[in-house]
Amino acid sequence: MRRLTLYSRPDCHLCELLVADLMPLLSPHIQLDVVDISDDIDLTRRYGLRIPVLLEKGQELSSYPLDTEHVRAHLAVNELP
């Protein structure tokens, strides 16, 4: 199963919008892990002003607004057999 990571915070309106745009691109073989950066100093320093940030295996795919075409192409090219 593939795993995407979304760095976020509670009540983040932009994060909710990104997830809404992302969901139609996800197959049943992709899990979205939402990580709250609020209690992690390192993540807050790295992503605090940029959330939401979407990654797969440490590779940044998009922030807000969702780069739909880039994410769609990434998911298609890197599809699991």
C-alpha atoms as a PDB file:
ATOM      1  CA  MET A   1       0.000   0.000   0.000  1.00  0.00           C
ATOM      2  CA  ARG A   2       1.237   3.489  -0.836  1.00  0.00           C
ATOM      3  CA  ARG A   3       1.236   6.154   1.845  1.00  0.00           C
ATOM      4  CA  LEU A   4       0.991   9.874   1.358  1.00  0.00           C
ATOM      5  CA  THR A   5       1.677  12.228   4.247  1.00  0.00           C
ATOM      6  CA  LEU A   6      -0.111  15.525   4.733  1.00  0.00           C
ATOM      7  CA  TYR A   7       1.440  17.897   7.244  1.00  0.00           C
ATOM      8  CA  SER A   8      -1.380  19.870   8.804  1.00  0.00           C
ATOM      9  CA  ARG A   9      -2.806  21.466  11.938  1.00  0.00           C
ATOM     10  CA  PRO A  10      -6.234  21.171  13.531  1.00  0.00           C
ATOM     11  CA  ASP A  11      -8.845  23.506  12.076  1.00  0.00           C
ATOM     12  CA  CYS A  12      -6.681  24.316   9.050  1.00  0.00           C
ATOM     13  CA  HIS A  13      -9.119  25.470   6.396  1.00  0.00           C
ATOM     14  CA  LEU A  14      -6.531  25.257   3.598  1.00  0.00           C
ATOM     15  CA  CYS A  15      -5.721  21.704   4.679  1.00  0.00           C
ATOM     16  CA  GLU A  16      -9.382  20.748   4.388  1.00  0.00           C
ATOM     17  CA  LEU A  17      -9.552  22.266   0.900  1.00  0.00           C
ATOM     18  CA  LEU A  18      -6.435  20.402  -0.206  1.00  0.00           C
ATOM     19  CA  VAL A  19      -7.818  17.088   1.097  1.00  0.00           C
ATOM     20  CA  ALA A  20     -11.106  17.682  -0.741  1.00  0.00           C
ATOM     21  CA  ASP A  21      -9.203  18.235  -3.988  1.00  0.00           C
ATOM     22  CA  LEU A  22      -6.899  15.278  -3.330  1.00  0.00           C
ATOM     23  CA  MET A  23      -9.493  12.606  -2.501  1.00  0.00           C
ATOM     24  CA  PRO A  24     -10.706  12.068  -6.097  1.00  0.00           C
ATOM     25  CA  LEU A  25      -7.110  11.323  -7.134  1.00  0.00           C
ATOM     26  CA  LEU A  26      -6.580   8.555  -4.583  1.00  0.00           C
ATOM     27  CA  SER A  27      -7.112   4.889  -5.299  1.00  0.00           C
ATOM     28  CA  PRO A  28      -8.010   2.304  -2.644  1.00  0.00           C
ATOM     29  CA  HIS A  29      -4.300   1.358  -2.580  1.00  0.00           C
ATOM     30  CA  ILE A  30      -3.232   4.759  -1.282  1.00  0.00           C
ATOM     31  CA  GLN A  31      -3.447   5.725   2.367  1.00  0.00           C
ATOM     32  CA  LEU A  32      -3.384   9.361   3.421  1.00  0.00           C
ATOM     33  CA  ASP A  33      -1.712   9.967   6.783  1.00  0.00           C
ATOM     34  CA  VAL A  34      -2.480  13.390   8.249  1.00  0.00           C
ATOM     35  CA  VAL A  35       0.243  14.547  10.631  1.00  0.00           C
ATOM     36  CA  ASP A  36      -0.467  17.346  13.087  1.00  0.00           C
ATOM     37  CA  ILE A  37       2.701  19.444  13.275  1.00  0.00           C
ATOM     38  CA  SER A  38       1.525  21.465  16.285  1.00  0.00           C
ATOM     39  CA  ASP A  39       3.442  19.488  18.906  1.00  0.00           C
ATOM     40  CA  ASP A  40       6.577  18.826  16.868  1.00  0.00           C
ATOM     41  CA  ILE A  41       9.093  21.668  16.964  1.00  0.00           C
ATOM     42  CA  ASP A  42      11.105  20.400  13.996  1.00  0.00           C
ATOM     43  CA  LEU A  43       8.049  19.949  11.778  1.00  0.00           C
ATOM     44  CA  THR A  44       6.666  23.324  12.858  1.00  0.00           C
ATOM     45  CA  ARG A  45       9.953  25.003  11.921  1.00  0.00           C
ATOM     46  CA  ARG A  46      10.046  23.238   8.579  1.00  0.00           C
ATOM     47  CA  TYR A  47       6.402  23.434   7.516  1.00  0.00           C
ATOM     48  CA  GLY A  48       4.669  25.822   9.908  1.00  0.00           C
ATOM     49  CA  LEU A  49       4.153  28.672   7.445  1.00  0.00           C
ATOM     50  CA  ARG A  50       3.619  26.354   4.476  1.00  0.00           C
ATOM     51  CA  ILE A  51       0.947  23.906   5.604  1.00  0.00           C
ATOM     52  CA  PRO A  52      -0.659  22.004   4.114  1.00  0.00           C
ATOM     53  CA  VAL A  53       2.247  20.128   2.556  1.00  0.00           C
ATOM     54  CA  LEU A  54       1.722  16.776   0.826  1.00  0.00           C
ATOM     55  CA  LEU A  55       4.574  14.275   0.567  1.00  0.00           C
ATOM     56  CA  GLU A  56       5.296  10.718  -0.439  1.00  0.00           C
ATOM     57  CA  LYS A  57       8.448   9.086   0.956  1.00  0.00           C
ATOM     58  CA  GLY A  58       9.833  12.491   1.885  1.00  0.00           C
ATOM     59  CA  GLN A  59       9.318  13.950  -1.590  1.00  0.00           C
ATOM     60  CA  GLU A  60       7.145  17.071  -1.575  1.00  0.00           C
ATOM     61  CA  LEU A  61       4.319  16.747  -4.058  1.00  0.00           C
ATOM     62  CA  SER A  62       2.324  19.890  -3.378  1.00  0.00           C
ATOM     63  CA  SER A  63       1.288  22.514  -0.922  1.00  0.00           C
ATOM     64  CA  TYR A  64      -1.835  24.664  -1.157  1.00  0.00           C
ATOM     65  CA  PRO A  65      -3.370  24.987  -3.641  1.00  0.00           C
ATOM     66  CA  LEU A  66      -3.071  21.357  -4.682  1.00  0.00           C
ATOM     67  CA  ASP A  67      -1.060  20.941  -7.874  1.00  0.00           C
ATOM     68  CA  THR A  68      -3.591  18.465  -9.226  1.00  0.00           C
ATOM     69  CA  GLU A  69      -1.788  17.718 -12.475  1.00  0.00           C
ATOM     70  CA  HIS A  70       1.570  17.125 -10.787  1.00  0.00           C
ATOM     71  CA  VAL A  71       0.053  14.862  -8.129  1.00  0.00           C
ATOM     72  CA  ARG A  72      -2.027  12.954 -10.697  1.00  0.00           C
ATOM     73  CA  ALA A  73       1.054  12.406 -12.878  1.00  0.00           C
ATOM     74  CA  HIS A  74       3.170  11.372  -9.876  1.00  0.00           C
ATOM     75  CA  LEU A  75       0.597   8.851  -8.738  1.00  0.00           C
ATOM     76  CA  ALA A  76       0.200   7.426 -12.263  1.00  0.00           C
ATOM     77  CA  VAL A  77       3.933   7.117 -12.962  1.00  0.00           C
ATOM     78  CA  ASN A  78       4.669   5.566  -9.608  1.00  0.00           C
ATOM     79  CA  GLU A  79       1.668   3.229  -9.497  1.00  0.00           C
ATOM     80  CA  LEU A  80       2.168  -0.053  -7.713  1.00  0.00           C
ATOM     81  CA  PRO A  81       1.637  -3.141  -9.872  1.00  0.00           C
END
